[in-house]
C-alpha atoms as a PDB file:
ATOM      1  CA  UNK A   1      -0.510   0.353  -1.434  1.00  0.00           C
ATOM      2  CA  UNK A   2       0.011  -1.256   0.868  1.00  0.00           C
ATOM      3  CA  UNK A   3       2.248  -4.631   0.585  1.00  0.00           C
ATOM      4  CA  UNK A   4       0.813  -7.817   3.530  1.00  0.00           C
ATOM      5  CA  UNK A   5       3.067 -10.742   3.287  1.00  0.00           C
ATOM      6  CA  UNK A   6       0.356 -13.727   4.834  1.00  0.00           C
ATOM      7  CA  UNK A   7       1.137 -16.626   5.714  1.00  0.00           C
ATOM      8  CA  UNK A   8      -0.723 -20.131   4.172  1.00  0.00           C
ATOM      9  CA  UNK A   9      -2.661 -20.299   6.780  1.00  0.00           C
ATOM     10  CA  UNK A  10      -3.629 -16.212   6.489  1.00  0.00           C
ATOM     11  CA  UNK A  11      -4.062 -16.034   3.140  1.00  0.00           C
ATOM     12  CA  UNK A  12      -6.371 -18.726   2.299  1.00  0.00           C
ATOM     13  CA  UNK A  13      -9.374 -17.412   4.935  1.00  0.00           C
ATOM     14  CA  UNK A  14      -9.110 -13.541   3.117  1.00  0.00           C
ATOM     15  CA  UNK A  15     -11.812 -12.108   0.879  1.00  0.00           C
ATOM     16  CA  UNK A  16      -9.592 -12.232  -2.674  1.00  0.00           C
ATOM     17  CA  UNK A  17     -10.437 -11.847  -6.543  1.00  0.00           C
ATOM     18  CA  UNK A  18      -8.924 -13.495  -8.494  1.00  0.00           C
ATOM     19  CA  UNK A  19      -7.164 -10.633  -9.482  1.00  0.00           C
ATOM     20  CA  UNK A  20      -5.239 -10.834  -5.726  1.00  0.00           C
ATOM     21  CA  UNK A  21      -6.890  -8.000  -4.282  1.00  0.00           C
ATOM     22  CA  UNK A  22      -9.850  -7.352  -1.448  1.00  0.00           C
ATOM     23  CA  UNK A  23     -13.731  -7.440  -3.061  1.00  0.00           C
ATOM     24  CA  UNK A  24     -14.686  -4.321  -3.195  1.00  0.00           C
ATOM     25  CA  UNK A  25     -16.441  -3.593   0.068  1.00  0.00           C
ATOM     26  CA  UNK A  26     -19.056  -0.021   0.951  1.00  0.00           C
ATOM     27  CA  UNK A  27     -15.891  -0.055   3.592  1.00  0.00           C
ATOM     28  CA  UNK A  28     -12.957  -0.369   1.632  1.00  0.00           C
ATOM     29  CA  UNK A  29     -14.472   0.980  -1.768  1.00  0.00           C
ATOM     30  CA  UNK A  30     -12.856   4.314  -0.114  1.00  0.00           C
ATOM     31  CA  UNK A  31      -9.367   2.337   0.028  1.00  0.00           C
ATOM     32  CA  UNK A  32      -9.551   1.999  -3.816  1.00  0.00           C
ATOM     33  CA  UNK A  33     -10.674   5.286  -5.156  1.00  0.00           C
ATOM     34  CA  UNK A  34      -7.282   7.292  -2.236  1.00  0.00           C
ATOM     35  CA  UNK A  35      -3.776   7.203  -4.276  1.00  0.00           C
ATOM     36  CA  UNK A  36      -0.926   4.556  -4.147  1.00  0.00           C
ATOM     37  CA  UNK A  37       1.961   5.794  -2.779  1.00  0.00           C
ATOM     38  CA  UNK A  38       5.658   3.755  -3.534  1.00  0.00           C
ATOM     39  CA  UNK A  39       6.490   3.393  -0.721  1.00  0.00           C
ATOM     40  CA  UNK A  40       4.236   3.770   2.133  1.00  0.00           C
ATOM     41  CA  UNK A  41       5.365   3.050   6.036  1.00  0.00           C
ATOM     42  CA  UNK A  42       2.077   0.817   6.663  1.00  0.00           C
ATOM     43  CA  UNK A  43       4.005  -1.591   4.466  1.00  0.00           C
ATOM     44  CA  UNK A  44       5.661  -4.762   4.712  1.00  0.00           C
ATOM     45  CA  UNK A  45       3.652  -6.680   7.922  1.00  0.00           C
ATOM     46  CA  UNK A  46       4.330 -10.467   7.996  1.00  0.00           C
ATOM     47  CA  UNK A  47      -0.052 -12.020   8.685  1.00  0.00           C
ATOM     48  CA  UNK A  48      -0.638 -14.829  10.339  1.00  0.00           C
ATOM     49  CA  UNK A  49      -3.638 -15.956  11.005  1.00  0.00           C
ATOM     50  CA  UNK A  50      -3.407 -17.789  14.946  1.00  0.00           C
ATOM     51  CA  UNK A  51      -5.814 -19.532  16.509  1.00  0.00           C
ATOM     52  CA  UNK A  52      -6.420 -18.856  19.871  1.00  0.00           C
ATOM     53  CA  UNK A  53      -9.708 -20.463  22.160  1.00  0.00           C
ATOM     54  CA  UNK A  54     -11.207 -21.074  19.779  1.00  0.00           C
ATOM     55  CA  UNK A  55     -11.364 -17.736  18.015  1.00  0.00           C
ATOM     56  CA  UNK A  56      -9.355 -16.900  14.616  1.00  0.00           C
ATOM     57  CA  UNK A  57      -6.566 -13.790  15.536  1.00  0.00           C
ATOM     58  CA  UNK A  58      -4.475 -11.624  12.791  1.00  0.00           C
ATOM     59  CA  UNK A  59      -1.286 -11.514  13.972  1.00  0.00           C
ATOM     60  CA  UNK A  60       1.199  -9.036  12.386  1.00  0.00           C
ATOM     61  CA  UNK A  61       4.590  -8.066  13.234  1.00  0.00           C
ATOM     62  CA  UNK A  62       6.531  -5.930  10.731  1.00  0.00           C
ATOM     63  CA  UNK A  63       9.831  -6.579   9.540  1.00  0.00           C
END
């Protein structure tokens, strides 16, 4: 499982269920069927939502 640290602004925009997981859609269903890795190399990113010229843009940086 990938752990993403989100700012409050980004967190409010994410489509999360009551458990804090992404809603299960046809696009995300395959993610839930994969086995979880304890140390995923894609984990540890920090995300922020930035308004750029009227568009919501996601800004991510690694630790």
